C-alpha atoms as a PDB file:
ATOM      1  CA  UNK A   1      -5.724  -1.728  -0.253  1.00  0.00           C
ATOM      2  CA  UNK A   2      -4.543   1.493  -2.044  1.00  0.00           C
ATOM      3  CA  UNK A   3      -1.813   2.813  -4.270  1.00  0.00           C
ATOM      4  CA  UNK A   4      -0.800   6.038  -2.583  1.00  0.00           C
ATOM      5  CA  UNK A   5      -0.244   8.672  -5.250  1.00  0.00           C
ATOM      6  CA  UNK A   6      -0.170  12.338  -4.292  1.00  0.00           C
ATOM      7  CA  UNK A   7      -2.604  14.657  -6.033  1.00  0.00           C
ATOM      8  CA  UNK A   8       0.363  16.041  -7.927  1.00  0.00           C
ATOM      9  CA  UNK A   9       1.278  12.605  -9.297  1.00  0.00           C
ATOM     10  CA  UNK A  10      -1.338  11.280 -11.671  1.00  0.00           C
ATOM     11  CA  UNK A  11       0.422   8.460 -13.519  1.00  0.00           C
ATOM     12  CA  UNK A  12      -0.665   4.990 -12.557  1.00  0.00           C
ATOM     13  CA  UNK A  13       2.004   2.474 -11.579  1.00  0.00           C
ATOM     14  CA  UNK A  14       2.316  -0.762 -13.502  1.00  0.00           C
ATOM     15  CA  UNK A  15       4.432  -3.869 -12.968  1.00  0.00           C
ATOM     16  CA  UNK A  16       7.629  -4.234 -14.945  1.00  0.00           C
ATOM     17  CA  UNK A  17       7.488  -5.924 -18.317  1.00  0.00           C
ATOM     18  CA  UNK A  18       8.545  -9.508 -18.875  1.00  0.00           C
ATOM     19  CA  UNK A  19      12.284  -9.929 -19.095  1.00  0.00           C
ATOM     20  CA  UNK A  20      13.381  -7.189 -16.694  1.00  0.00           C
ATOM     21  CA  UNK A  21      15.175  -9.832 -14.636  1.00  0.00           C
ATOM     22  CA  UNK A  22      14.742 -12.786 -16.940  1.00  0.00           C
ATOM     23  CA  UNK A  23      11.689 -13.698 -14.841  1.00  0.00           C
ATOM     24  CA  UNK A  24       8.058 -14.222 -15.670  1.00  0.00           C
ATOM     25  CA  UNK A  25       5.589 -11.390 -14.991  1.00  0.00           C
ATOM     26  CA  UNK A  26       2.179 -10.493 -16.422  1.00  0.00           C
ATOM     27  CA  UNK A  27       2.100  -7.460 -18.830  1.00  0.00           C
ATOM     28  CA  UNK A  28     -23.209  -1.115   9.190  1.00  0.00           C
ATOM     29  CA  UNK A  29     -22.299  -3.277  11.816  1.00  0.00           C
ATOM     30  CA  UNK A  30     -18.782  -3.691  13.189  1.00  0.00           C
ATOM     31  CA  UNK A  31     -18.303  -7.408  13.701  1.00  0.00           C
ATOM     32  CA  UNK A  32     -15.635  -9.981  12.936  1.00  0.00           C
ATOM     33  CA  UNK A  33     -16.302 -11.587   9.563  1.00  0.00           C
ATOM     34  CA  UNK A  34     -16.135 -15.326   9.132  1.00  0.00           C
ATOM     35  CA  UNK A  35     -12.836 -16.767   7.849  1.00  0.00           C
ATOM     36  CA  UNK A  36     -12.368 -17.252   4.143  1.00  0.00           C
ATOM     37  CA  UNK A  37     -12.322 -20.708   2.659  1.00  0.00           C
ATOM     38  CA  UNK A  38      -9.631 -21.980   0.330  1.00  0.00           C
ATOM     39  CA  UNK A  39     -12.333 -23.125  -2.098  1.00  0.00           C
ATOM     40  CA  UNK A  40     -13.367 -20.730  -4.844  1.00  0.00           C
ATOM     41  CA  UNK A  41     -16.836 -20.438  -6.362  1.00  0.00           C
ATOM     42  CA  UNK A  42     -18.868 -18.108  -8.541  1.00  0.00           C
ATOM     43  CA  UNK A  43     -20.532 -16.654  -5.441  1.00  0.00           C
ATOM     44  CA  UNK A  44     -17.204 -16.060  -3.741  1.00  0.00           C
ATOM     45  CA  UNK A  45     -15.819 -14.306  -6.786  1.00  0.00           C
ATOM     46  CA  UNK A  46     -18.864 -12.057  -6.754  1.00  0.00           C
ATOM     47  CA  UNK A  47     -18.191 -11.176  -3.110  1.00  0.00           C
ATOM     48  CA  UNK A  48     -14.608 -10.250  -3.963  1.00  0.00           C
ATOM     49  CA  UNK A  49     -15.339  -8.154  -7.024  1.00  0.00           C
ATOM     50  CA  UNK A  50     -14.218  -4.510  -7.068  1.00  0.00           C
ATOM     51  CA  UNK A  51     -17.087  -2.268  -6.002  1.00  0.00           C
ATOM     52  CA  UNK A  52     -17.954   1.219  -7.240  1.00  0.00           C
ATOM     53  CA  UNK A  53     -19.804   3.126  -4.509  1.00  0.00           C
ATOM     54  CA  UNK A  54     -21.757   6.338  -4.913  1.00  0.00           C
ATOM     55  CA  UNK A  55     -19.588   8.219  -2.442  1.00  0.00           C
ATOM     56  CA  UNK A  56     -21.950  11.176  -1.725  1.00  0.00           C
ATOM     57  CA  UNK A  57     -24.458   8.707  -0.248  1.00  0.00           C
ATOM     58  CA  UNK A  58     -22.003   7.894   2.539  1.00  0.00           C
ATOM     59  CA  UNK A  59     -20.608  11.369   3.148  1.00  0.00           C
ATOM     60  CA  UNK A  60     -22.700  11.931   6.305  1.00  0.00           C
ATOM     61  CA  UNK A  61     -21.828   8.463   7.627  1.00  0.00           C
ATOM     62  CA  UNK A  62     -18.122   9.201   7.388  1.00  0.00           C
ATOM     63  CA  UNK A  63     -18.582  12.552   9.107  1.00  0.00           C
ATOM     64  CA  UNK A  64     -20.477  10.879  11.966  1.00  0.00           C
ATOM     65  CA  UNK A  65     -17.506   8.544  12.409  1.00  0.00           C
ATOM     66  CA  UNK A  66     -15.034  11.441  12.455  1.00  0.00           C
ATOM     67  CA  UNK A  67     -13.837  11.575   8.835  1.00  0.00           C
ATOM     68  CA  UNK A  68     -14.204  14.200   6.106  1.00  0.00           C
ATOM     69  CA  UNK A  69     -14.028  13.197   2.443  1.00  0.00           C
ATOM     70  CA  UNK A  70     -12.239  15.593   0.073  1.00  0.00           C
ATOM     71  CA  UNK A  71     -14.449  18.205  -1.577  1.00  0.00           C
ATOM     72  CA  UNK A  72     -13.799  20.509  -4.507  1.00  0.00           C
ATOM     73  CA  UNK A  73     -13.011  23.293  -2.025  1.00  0.00           C
ATOM     74  CA  UNK A  74     -10.443  21.125  -0.220  1.00  0.00           C
ATOM     75  CA  UNK A  75      -8.639  20.188  -3.407  1.00  0.00           C
ATOM     76  CA  UNK A  76      -8.684  23.713  -4.835  1.00  0.00           C
ATOM     77  CA  UNK A  77      -7.083  24.915  -1.583  1.00  0.00           C
ATOM     78  CA  UNK A  78      -4.489  22.159  -1.852  1.00  0.00           C
ATOM     79  CA  UNK A  79      -3.530  23.222  -5.375  1.00  0.00           C
ATOM     80  CA  UNK A  80      -3.464  26.873  -4.362  1.00  0.00           C
ATOM     81  CA  UNK A  81      -1.004  26.062  -1.574  1.00  0.00           C
ATOM     82  CA  UNK A  82       1.139  23.954  -3.894  1.00  0.00           C
ATOM     83  CA  UNK A  83       1.184  26.695  -6.527  1.00  0.00           C
ATOM     84  CA  UNK A  84       2.286  29.222  -3.905  1.00  0.00           C
ATOM     85  CA  UNK A  85       5.225  26.969  -3.011  1.00  0.00           C
ATOM     86  CA  UNK A  86       6.232  26.172  -6.594  1.00  0.00           C
ATOM     87  CA  UNK A  87       5.622  29.566  -8.242  1.00  0.00           C
ATOM     88  CA  UNK A  88       3.408  30.755 -11.105  1.00  0.00           C
ATOM     89  CA  UNK A  89       5.022  28.453 -13.671  1.00  0.00           C
ATOM     90  CA  UNK A  90       3.428  25.356 -12.089  1.00  0.00           C
ATOM     91  CA  UNK A  91       1.195  23.712 -14.723  1.00  0.00           C
ATOM     92  CA  UNK A  92      -2.514  23.431 -13.969  1.00  0.00           C
ATOM     93  CA  UNK A  93      -3.830  19.867 -13.694  1.00  0.00           C
ATOM     94  CA  UNK A  94      -7.301  18.351 -13.588  1.00  0.00           C
ATOM     95  CA  UNK A  95      -7.834  17.465  -9.950  1.00  0.00           C
ATOM     96  CA  UNK A  96     -11.124  15.566  -9.908  1.00  0.00           C
ATOM     97  CA  UNK A  97     -12.311  12.605 -11.909  1.00  0.00           C
ATOM     98  CA  UNK A  98     -15.672  14.279 -12.551  1.00  0.00           C
ATOM     99  CA  UNK A  99     -16.161  16.615 -15.504  1.00  0.00           C
ATOM    100  CA  UNK A 100     -18.706  18.860 -13.761  1.00  0.00           C
ATOM    101  CA  UNK A 101     -19.265  19.843 -10.153  1.00  0.00           C
ATOM    102  CA  UNK A 102     -22.204  21.119  -8.173  1.00  0.00           C
ATOM    103  CA  UNK A 103     -20.433  23.655  -6.013  1.00  0.00           C
ATOM    104  CA  UNK A 104     -17.379  23.747  -3.796  1.00  0.00           C
ATOM    105  CA  UNK A 105     -18.915  21.322  -1.296  1.00  0.00           C
ATOM    106  CA  UNK A 106     -19.290  18.542  -3.854  1.00  0.00           C
ATOM    107  CA  UNK A 107     -17.062  15.520  -3.319  1.00  0.00           C
ATOM    108  CA  UNK A 108     -13.930  15.495  -5.450  1.00  0.00           C
ATOM    109  CA  UNK A 109     -12.784  11.984  -6.436  1.00  0.00           C
ATOM    110  CA  UNK A 110      -9.052  11.839  -7.106  1.00  0.00           C
ATOM    111  CA  UNK A 111      -8.462  11.302 -10.819  1.00  0.00           C
ATOM    112  CA  UNK A 112      -5.336   9.306  -9.944  1.00  0.00           C
ATOM    113  CA  UNK A 113      -7.219   6.665  -7.955  1.00  0.00           C
ATOM    114  CA  UNK A 114      -9.682   3.925  -8.952  1.00  0.00           C
ATOM    115  CA  UNK A 115     -13.367   4.394  -8.155  1.00  0.00           C
ATOM    116  CA  UNK A 116     -13.243   2.274  -5.001  1.00  0.00           C
ATOM    117  CA  UNK A 117     -10.767   4.619  -3.266  1.00  0.00           C
ATOM    118  CA  UNK A 118     -11.328   8.101  -1.855  1.00  0.00           C
ATOM    119  CA  UNK A 119      -9.118  10.590  -0.025  1.00  0.00           C
ATOM    120  CA  UNK A 120      -9.982  12.541   3.089  1.00  0.00           C
ATOM    121  CA  UNK A 121      -8.915  13.523   6.592  1.00  0.00           C
ATOM    122  CA  UNK A 122      -9.615  12.504  10.156  1.00  0.00           C
ATOM    123  CA  UNK A 123     -11.456  15.498  11.566  1.00  0.00           C
ATOM    124  CA  UNK A 124      -9.900  15.375  15.042  1.00  0.00           C
ATOM    125  CA  UNK A 125      -6.321  15.938  13.875  1.00  0.00           C
ATOM    126  CA  UNK A 126      -6.455  16.469  10.066  1.00  0.00           C
ATOM    127  CA  UNK A 127      -4.518  13.240   9.497  1.00  0.00           C
ATOM    128  CA  UNK A 128      -4.681  12.316   5.830  1.00  0.00           C
ATOM    129  CA  UNK A 129      -6.576   9.092   5.101  1.00  0.00           C
ATOM    130  CA  UNK A 130      -7.545   6.922   2.164  1.00  0.00           C
ATOM    131  CA  UNK A 131     -10.839   5.019   2.249  1.00  0.00           C
ATOM    132  CA  UNK A 132     -11.294   1.775   0.375  1.00  0.00           C
ATOM    133  CA  UNK A 133     -14.749   0.414  -0.464  1.00  0.00           C
ATOM    134  CA  UNK A 134     -15.139  -3.359  -0.608  1.00  0.00           C
ATOM    135  CA  UNK A 135     -17.980  -5.864  -0.582  1.00  0.00           C
ATOM    136  CA  UNK A 136     -19.160  -6.489   2.972  1.00  0.00           C
ATOM    137  CA  UNK A 137     -18.493 -10.222   2.587  1.00  0.00           C
ATOM    138  CA  UNK A 138     -15.141  -9.932   0.834  1.00  0.00           C
ATOM    139  CA  UNK A 139     -11.996 -11.797   1.817  1.00  0.00           C
ATOM    140  CA  UNK A 140     -10.159  -8.481   1.961  1.00  0.00           C
ATOM    141  CA  UNK A 141     -12.487  -7.069   4.620  1.00  0.00           C
ATOM    142  CA  UNK A 142     -12.161 -10.254   6.664  1.00  0.00           C
ATOM    143  CA  UNK A 143      -8.358 -10.388   6.477  1.00  0.00           C
ATOM    144  CA  UNK A 144      -7.844  -6.677   7.146  1.00  0.00           C
ATOM    145  CA  UNK A 145     -10.212  -6.885  10.105  1.00  0.00           C
ATOM    146  CA  UNK A 146      -8.240  -9.781  11.552  1.00  0.00           C
ATOM    147  CA  UNK A 147      -4.873  -8.080  11.054  1.00  0.00           C
ATOM    148  CA  UNK A 148      -6.117  -4.804  12.540  1.00  0.00           C
ATOM    149  CA  UNK A 149      -7.446  -6.223  15.829  1.00  0.00           C
ATOM    150  CA  UNK A 150      -5.484  -7.179  18.956  1.00  0.00           C
ATOM    151  CA  UNK A 151      -3.353  -9.214  19.323  1.00  0.00           C
ATOM    152  CA  UNK A 152      -2.358  -9.138  15.641  1.00  0.00           C
ATOM    153  CA  UNK A 153      -2.460  -5.361  15.510  1.00  0.00           C
ATOM    154  CA  UNK A 154       0.205  -5.073  18.217  1.00  0.00           C
ATOM    155  CA  UNK A 155       2.571  -7.705  16.849  1.00  0.00           C
ATOM    156  CA  UNK A 156       5.813  -6.022  15.649  1.00  0.00           C
ATOM    157  CA  UNK A 157       5.991  -8.507  12.776  1.00  0.00           C
ATOM    158  CA  UNK A 158       2.693  -7.239  11.379  1.00  0.00           C
ATOM    159  CA  UNK A 159       3.496  -4.677   8.683  1.00  0.00           C
ATOM    160  CA  UNK A 160      -0.020  -3.874   7.478  1.00  0.00           C
ATOM    161  CA  UNK A 161      -1.032  -0.295   6.672  1.00  0.00           C
ATOM    162  CA  UNK A 162      -2.563   1.214   9.853  1.00  0.00           C
ATOM    163  CA  UNK A 163      -6.364   0.999   9.768  1.00  0.00           C
ATOM    164  CA  UNK A 164      -8.200   3.821  11.579  1.00  0.00           C
ATOM    165  CA  UNK A 165     -11.743   2.534  11.098  1.00  0.00           C
ATOM    166  CA  UNK A 166     -13.577  -0.317   9.430  1.00  0.00           C
ATOM    167  CA  UNK A 167     -17.338  -0.725   9.139  1.00  0.00           C
ATOM    168  CA  UNK A 168     -20.146  -2.239   7.073  1.00  0.00           C
ATOM    169  CA  UNK A 169     -23.301  -0.862   5.464  1.00  0.00           C
ATOM    170  CA  UNK A 170     -25.363  -4.087   5.513  1.00  0.00           C
ATOM    171  CA  UNK A 171     -28.283  -2.782   3.448  1.00  0.00           C
ATOM    172  CA  UNK A 172     -25.908  -2.026   0.557  1.00  0.00           C
ATOM    173  CA  UNK A 173     -23.628  -5.072   1.005  1.00  0.00           C
ATOM    174  CA  UNK A 174     -20.885  -2.453   1.222  1.00  0.00           C
ATOM    175  CA  UNK A 175     -17.984  -2.014   3.643  1.00  0.00           C
ATOM    176  CA  UNK A 176     -15.298   0.611   4.099  1.00  0.00           C
ATOM    177  CA  UNK A 177     -11.703   0.452   5.313  1.00  0.00           C
ATOM    178  CA  UNK A 178     -10.209   3.775   6.465  1.00  0.00           C
ATOM    179  CA  UNK A 179      -6.401   3.761   6.315  1.00  0.00           C
ATOM    180  CA  UNK A 180      -3.606   6.174   7.035  1.00  0.00           C
ATOM    181  CA  UNK A 181      -2.369   7.761   3.817  1.00  0.00           C
ATOM    182  CA  UNK A 182       1.159   6.495   3.237  1.00  0.00           C
ATOM    183  CA  UNK A 183       3.241   6.906   0.108  1.00  0.00           C
ATOM    184  CA  UNK A 184       4.790   4.733  -2.545  1.00  0.00           C
ATOM    185  CA  UNK A 185       8.533   4.676  -2.033  1.00  0.00           C
ATOM    186  CA  UNK A 186      10.478   1.846  -3.642  1.00  0.00           C
ATOM    187  CA  UNK A 187       8.843   2.567  -6.997  1.00  0.00           C
ATOM    188  CA  UNK A 188       9.573   6.287  -6.717  1.00  0.00           C
ATOM    189  CA  UNK A 189      12.684   7.955  -8.095  1.00  0.00           C
ATOM    190  CA  UNK A 190      14.246   8.664  -4.707  1.00  0.00           C
ATOM    191  CA  UNK A 191      13.881   5.313  -2.994  1.00  0.00           C
ATOM    192  CA  UNK A 192      15.240   4.748   0.523  1.00  0.00           C
ATOM    193  CA  UNK A 193      18.014   7.130   1.492  1.00  0.00           C
ATOM    194  CA  UNK A 194      20.736   4.590   2.269  1.00  0.00           C
ATOM    195  CA  UNK A 195      21.618   0.904   2.197  1.00  0.00           C
ATOM    196  CA  UNK A 196      20.660   0.169   5.845  1.00  0.00           C
ATOM    197  CA  UNK A 197      17.219   1.735   5.305  1.00  0.00           C
ATOM    198  CA  UNK A 198      16.811  -0.229   2.077  1.00  0.00           C
ATOM    199  CA  UNK A 199      17.725  -3.491   3.792  1.00  0.00           C
ATOM    200  CA  UNK A 200      15.309  -2.642   6.602  1.00  0.00           C
ATOM    201  CA  UNK A 201      12.544  -2.194   4.036  1.00  0.00           C
ATOM    202  CA  UNK A 202      13.290  -5.591   2.499  1.00  0.00           C
ATOM    203  CA  UNK A 203      13.354  -7.234   5.894  1.00  0.00           C
ATOM    204  CA  UNK A 204       9.947  -5.809   6.779  1.00  0.00           C
ATOM    205  CA  UNK A 205       8.581  -7.238   3.521  1.00  0.00           C
ATOM    206  CA  UNK A 206       9.881 -10.733   4.281  1.00  0.00           C
ATOM    207  CA  UNK A 207       8.927 -10.531   7.951  1.00  0.00           C
ATOM    208  CA  UNK A 208       5.332  -9.618   7.181  1.00  0.00           C
ATOM    209  CA  UNK A 209       4.983 -12.572   4.815  1.00  0.00           C
ATOM    210  CA  UNK A 210       6.367 -14.839   7.553  1.00  0.00           C
ATOM    211  CA  UNK A 211       3.854 -13.338   9.990  1.00  0.00           C
ATOM    212  CA  UNK A 212       0.961 -13.943   7.587  1.00  0.00           C
ATOM    213  CA  UNK A 213       2.011 -17.496   6.859  1.00  0.00           C
ATOM    214  CA  UNK A 214       2.352 -18.261  10.573  1.00  0.00           C
ATOM    215  CA  UNK A 215      -1.333 -17.426  10.880  1.00  0.00           C
ATOM    216  CA  UNK A 216      -2.319 -19.328   7.687  1.00  0.00           C
ATOM    217  CA  UNK A 217      -2.850 -16.215   5.593  1.00  0.00           C
ATOM    218  CA  UNK A 218      -1.407 -15.800   2.100  1.00  0.00           C
ATOM    219  CA  UNK A 219      -1.243 -12.334   0.541  1.00  0.00           C
ATOM    220  CA  UNK A 220      -1.074 -13.644  -3.037  1.00  0.00           C
ATOM    221  CA  UNK A 221      -0.280 -10.282  -4.623  1.00  0.00           C
ATOM    222  CA  UNK A 222       3.079  -9.276  -3.155  1.00  0.00           C
ATOM    223  CA  UNK A 223       4.656  -6.651  -5.412  1.00  0.00           C
ATOM    224  CA  UNK A 224       6.286  -3.230  -5.303  1.00  0.00           C
ATOM    225  CA  UNK A 225       2.935  -1.664  -6.167  1.00  0.00           C
ATOM    226  CA  UNK A 226       1.507  -3.032  -2.928  1.00  0.00           C
ATOM    227  CA  UNK A 227       4.257  -1.715  -0.666  1.00  0.00           C
ATOM    228  CA  UNK A 228       4.011   1.708   0.983  1.00  0.00           C
ATOM    229  CA  UNK A 229       6.077   3.786   3.422  1.00  0.00           C
ATOM    230  CA  UNK A 230       5.446   6.515   5.967  1.00  0.00           C
ATOM    231  CA  UNK A 231       8.887   7.987   5.065  1.00  0.00           C
ATOM    232  CA  UNK A 232      10.057   7.313   8.612  1.00  0.00           C
ATOM    233  CA  UNK A 233      11.462   3.852   8.041  1.00  0.00           C
ATOM    234  CA  UNK A 234       8.163   1.976   8.263  1.00  0.00           C
ATOM    235  CA  UNK A 235       6.936  -0.087   5.326  1.00  0.00           C
ATOM    236  CA  UNK A 236       3.549  -1.747   4.973  1.00  0.00           C
ATOM    237  CA  UNK A 237       1.609  -4.097   2.738  1.00  0.00           C
ATOM    238  CA  UNK A 238      -1.682  -3.118   1.111  1.00  0.00           C
ATOM    239  CA  UNK A 239      -4.258  -4.763  -1.203  1.00  0.00           C
ATOM    240  CA  UNK A 240      -5.527  -8.059   0.193  1.00  0.00           C
ATOM    241  CA  UNK A 241      -8.035  -8.456  -2.637  1.00  0.00           C
ATOM    242  CA  UNK A 242      -6.509 -11.804  -3.605  1.00  0.00           C
ATOM    243  CA  UNK A 243      -5.543 -12.788  -0.066  1.00  0.00           C
ATOM    244  CA  UNK A 244      -6.794 -15.997   1.545  1.00  0.00           C
ATOM    245  CA  UNK A 245      -7.195 -17.104   5.132  1.00  0.00           C
ATOM    246  CA  UNK A 246      -6.859 -20.880   5.158  1.00  0.00           C
ATOM    247  CA  UNK A 247      -8.294 -23.337   7.645  1.00  0.00           C
ATOM    248  CA  UNK A 248      -6.397 -26.398   6.441  1.00  0.00           C
ATOM    249  CA  UNK A 249      -2.678 -26.993   6.862  1.00  0.00           C
ATOM    250  CA  UNK A 250      -1.953 -27.891   3.232  1.00  0.00           C
ATOM    251  CA  UNK A 251      -4.045 -25.501   1.119  1.00  0.00           C
ATOM    252  CA  UNK A 252      -4.033 -25.282  -2.641  1.00  0.00           C
ATOM    253  CA  UNK A 253      -5.199 -22.488  -4.950  1.00  0.00           C
ATOM    254  CA  UNK A 254      -6.307 -22.655  -8.564  1.00  0.00           C
ATOM    255  CA  UNK A 255      -6.342 -20.243 -11.505  1.00  0.00           C
ATOM    256  CA  UNK A 256      -3.879 -17.891  -9.810  1.00  0.00           C
ATOM    257  CA  UNK A 257      -3.879 -14.402 -11.344  1.00  0.00           C
ATOM    258  CA  UNK A 258      -1.607 -12.206  -9.200  1.00  0.00           C
ATOM    259  CA  UNK A 259       0.999  -9.692 -10.349  1.00  0.00           C
ATOM    260  CA  UNK A 260       4.042 -11.991 -10.179  1.00  0.00           C
ATOM    261  CA  UNK A 261       3.261 -15.373 -11.718  1.00  0.00           C
ATOM    262  CA  UNK A 262       5.444 -18.312 -10.593  1.00  0.00           C
ATOM    263  CA  UNK A 263       6.183 -21.080 -13.105  1.00  0.00           C
ATOM    264  CA  UNK A 264       3.755 -23.545 -11.504  1.00  0.00           C
ATOM    265  CA  UNK A 265       0.817 -21.239 -12.197  1.00  0.00           C
ATOM    266  CA  UNK A 266       0.896 -22.394 -15.824  1.00  0.00           C
ATOM    267  CA  UNK A 267       0.325 -26.058 -14.940  1.00  0.00           C
ATOM    268  CA  UNK A 268      -3.422 -25.762 -14.406  1.00  0.00           C
ATOM    269  CA  UNK A 269      -3.227 -27.681 -11.126  1.00  0.00           C
ATOM    270  CA  UNK A 270      -3.503 -26.636  -7.500  1.00  0.00           C
ATOM    271  CA  UNK A 271      -0.488 -24.721  -6.216  1.00  0.00           C
ATOM    272  CA  UNK A 272       0.890 -23.871  -2.783  1.00  0.00           C
ATOM    273  CA  UNK A 273      -0.151 -20.274  -1.913  1.00  0.00           C
ATOM    274  CA  UNK A 274       2.706 -19.766   0.538  1.00  0.00           C
ATOM    275  CA  UNK A 275       5.305 -20.702  -2.080  1.00  0.00           C
ATOM    276  CA  UNK A 276       3.592 -18.246  -4.450  1.00  0.00           C
ATOM    277  CA  UNK A 277       4.267 -15.513  -1.883  1.00  0.00           C
ATOM    278  CA  UNK A 278       7.896 -16.614  -1.518  1.00  0.00           C
ATOM    279  CA  UNK A 279       8.387 -16.418  -5.293  1.00  0.00           C
ATOM    280  CA  UNK A 280       6.825 -12.956  -5.381  1.00  0.00           C
ATOM    281  CA  UNK A 281       9.086 -11.803  -2.540  1.00  0.00           C
ATOM    282  CA  UNK A 282      12.142 -12.907  -4.491  1.00  0.00           C
ATOM    283  CA  UNK A 283      10.961 -10.956  -7.525  1.00  0.00           C
ATOM    284  CA  UNK A 284      10.188  -7.934  -5.335  1.00  0.00           C
ATOM    285  CA  UNK A 285      13.731  -7.895  -3.941  1.00  0.00           C
ATOM    286  CA  UNK A 286      15.253  -8.048  -7.419  1.00  0.00           C
ATOM    287  CA  UNK A 287      13.012  -5.318  -8.757  1.00  0.00           C
ATOM    288  CA  UNK A 288      13.688  -3.130  -5.733  1.00  0.00           C
ATOM    289  CA  UNK A 289      17.446  -3.499  -6.175  1.00  0.00           C
ATOM    290  CA  UNK A 290      17.229  -2.579  -9.846  1.00  0.00           C
ATOM    291  CA  UNK A 291      14.967   0.436  -9.311  1.00  0.00           C
ATOM    292  CA  UNK A 292      16.868   1.912  -6.357  1.00  0.00           C
ATOM    293  CA  UNK A 293      20.423   1.040  -7.397  1.00  0.00           C
ATOM    294  CA  UNK A 294      21.119  -0.650  -4.067  1.00  0.00           C
ATOM    295  CA  UNK A 295      22.694  -4.044  -4.546  1.00  0.00           C
ATOM    296  CA  UNK A 296      24.714  -6.519  -2.492  1.00  0.00           C
ATOM    297  CA  UNK A 297      25.892  -9.633  -4.366  1.00  0.00           C
ATOM    298  CA  UNK A 298      25.399 -11.708  -1.220  1.00  0.00           C
ATOM    299  CA  UNK A 299      21.652 -11.139  -1.503  1.00  0.00           C
ATOM    300  CA  UNK A 300      21.625 -13.785  -4.217  1.00  0.00           C
ATOM    301  CA  UNK A 301      22.129 -16.387  -1.479  1.00  0.00           C
ATOM    302  CA  UNK A 302      18.679 -15.326  -0.268  1.00  0.00           C
ATOM    303  CA  UNK A 303      16.967 -14.647  -3.586  1.00  0.00           C
ATOM    304  CA  UNK A 304      18.061 -17.597  -5.710  1.00  0.00           C
ATOM    305  CA  UNK A 305      16.377 -20.312  -3.593  1.00  0.00           C
ATOM    306  CA  UNK A 306      13.209 -18.192  -3.427  1.00  0.00           C
ATOM    307  CA  UNK A 307      13.037 -18.243  -7.226  1.00  0.00           C
ATOM    308  CA  UNK A 308      13.562 -21.975  -7.661  1.00  0.00           C
ATOM    309  CA  UNK A 309      11.234 -23.168 -10.430  1.00  0.00           C
ATOM    310  CA  UNK A 310      10.292 -26.141  -8.275  1.00  0.00           C
ATOM    311  CA  UNK A 311       8.075 -24.740  -5.483  1.00  0.00           C
ATOM    312  CA  UNK A 312       8.887 -27.611  -3.122  1.00  0.00           C
ATOM    313  CA  UNK A 313      12.524 -26.554  -3.161  1.00  0.00           C
ATOM    314  CA  UNK A 314      11.779 -22.946  -2.259  1.00  0.00           C
ATOM    315  CA  UNK A 315      12.341 -22.009   1.372  1.00  0.00           C
ATOM    316  CA  UNK A 316       9.480 -21.071   3.625  1.00  0.00           C
ATOM    317  CA  UNK A 317       9.096 -17.362   4.313  1.00  0.00           C
ATOM    318  CA  UNK A 318      10.530 -17.995   7.788  1.00  0.00           C
ATOM    319  CA  UNK A 319      13.631 -19.663   6.362  1.00  0.00           C
ATOM    320  CA  UNK A 320      13.994 -16.826   3.849  1.00  0.00           C
ATOM    321  CA  UNK A 321      13.867 -14.357   6.756  1.00  0.00           C
ATOM    322  CA  UNK A 322      16.572 -16.276   8.626  1.00  0.00           C
ATOM    323  CA  UNK A 323      18.741 -16.406   5.497  1.00  0.00           C
ATOM    324  CA  UNK A 324      18.311 -12.658   4.983  1.00  0.00           C
ATOM    325  CA  UNK A 325      19.272 -11.927   8.600  1.00  0.00           C
ATOM    326  CA  UNK A 326      22.338 -14.156   8.265  1.00  0.00           C
ATOM    327  CA  UNK A 327      23.545 -12.245   5.196  1.00  0.00           C
ATOM    328  CA  UNK A 328      22.938  -8.835   6.773  1.00  0.00           C
ATOM    329  CA  UNK A 329      24.709  -9.855   9.986  1.00  0.00           C
ATOM    330  CA  UNK A 330      27.692 -11.277   8.104  1.00  0.00           C
ATOM    331  CA  UNK A 331      28.135  -7.971   6.278  1.00  0.00           C
ATOM    332  CA  UNK A 332      27.963  -5.933   9.468  1.00  0.00           C
ATOM    333  CA  UNK A 333      24.916  -3.833   8.577  1.00  0.00           C
ATOM    334  CA  UNK A 334      22.755  -2.317  11.299  1.00  0.00           C
ATOM    335  CA  UNK A 335      19.229  -1.873  10.049  1.00  0.00           C
ATOM    336  CA  UNK A 336      18.363   0.853  12.542  1.00  0.00           C
ATOM    337  CA  UNK A 337      19.844   3.724  10.556  1.00  0.00           C
ATOM    338  CA  UNK A 338      19.997   7.434  11.332  1.00  0.00           C
ATOM    339  CA  UNK A 339      19.695   8.535   7.710  1.00  0.00           C
ATOM    340  CA  UNK A 340      16.778  10.843   7.010  1.00  0.00           C
ATOM    341  CA  UNK A 341      14.373  10.443   4.093  1.00  0.00           C
ATOM    342  CA  UNK A 342      12.619  13.432   2.523  1.00  0.00           C
ATOM    343  CA  UNK A 343       8.943  14.054   3.331  1.00  0.00           C
END
C-alpha cells in the first residue's frame, strides 16, 4: 500500500543486497469486488499494473468524502513549522515533485512518494492520511476491501493498515484506498525501544500471515519495506499489489517476482504461495534483528525451519507462530511492554 516517509525524509528504501544473511534477495461505486483467481493472464496483469492518476481531477471528489489533499500552502506551512522547531540552520529541501506550481492552492505531490500515492488529511479531525490509487479491478483493491470489512476488520489477528475509505471511479477504471499515515520503524535508525516491543512486532508479522493464510490469502511481498508502525506498539502490513486470494485449497503461482525470492522460485515451475510467505517472514526476522541489534539465539529454532530450501519442509505460518510463542514463553518475555517509543 504505501511506504510511509515523512516529508523531511526523502530517501527511498530498498531491500538489502544479496549476502547480508547468506540468503537470496533481488538487488465510483462502493461494492465488494470479485475474488481474485490464482491463474495469471495478460489481462490480469494489466488490471494490476501501477496507475498514475491526474490527482487534481479527483480533488473535489476527495473533499466531498471528507478528505483534503496536500497543497503547496499546506506543505509550505509544514516546512515553516519544522524550521521554527529546528532553527535557521535547517537546510531547505524541495517539497513537491513538480517543478512549477500554479499558486498556493495547487496540489503538492510528495517528492518522496511514487506517483500513485498522495498525502492529505481527514477534514473532520486533521488525521494524516495517505491515498493510494489502484486499478478498479486490481487484486489489491479486492484484498484490501475484504480485509477492511467486518468481520475481518475486527479480528485482532488482522494487522492491516487501517483503511478510512475506499471507493471506485468506474468511468476511469480507477480506485482509491485512503489509509491512516503510519511510519516505517524497523528500517529506521531507532527501531523498537526494547526487546519486548521488538518481539511483539515480530509476533504481529507472523500472526498476520497466519490470519491471511487461514482465509486463503497470500501476501507474496512480505518485507521490512512493507511493515509500518503507529509508534504505539501496533505494526501493520501494506502493499498487496502481488497478493492473491485463492479459491482452491492447493494453489500454485508462477513467475514469482517479490522482494524476497525463495530458492524454488528459480525452478520455473508452480510454487506454493503460502510457503513463499513463510520464507519471506524468516528473512524479515533476520533482517530486523540485524538492523535493530536485538537478537536472541533461541530465535533460530523458529527461523531455521522457515528458511528450509525445501518448501515442503517449511512450517505453516500457524506452526511458525506457535514455535515463536513457545520460544518467547520459555524465555519469560511479556510482549505487553511499558516502554515508550518516540513520536
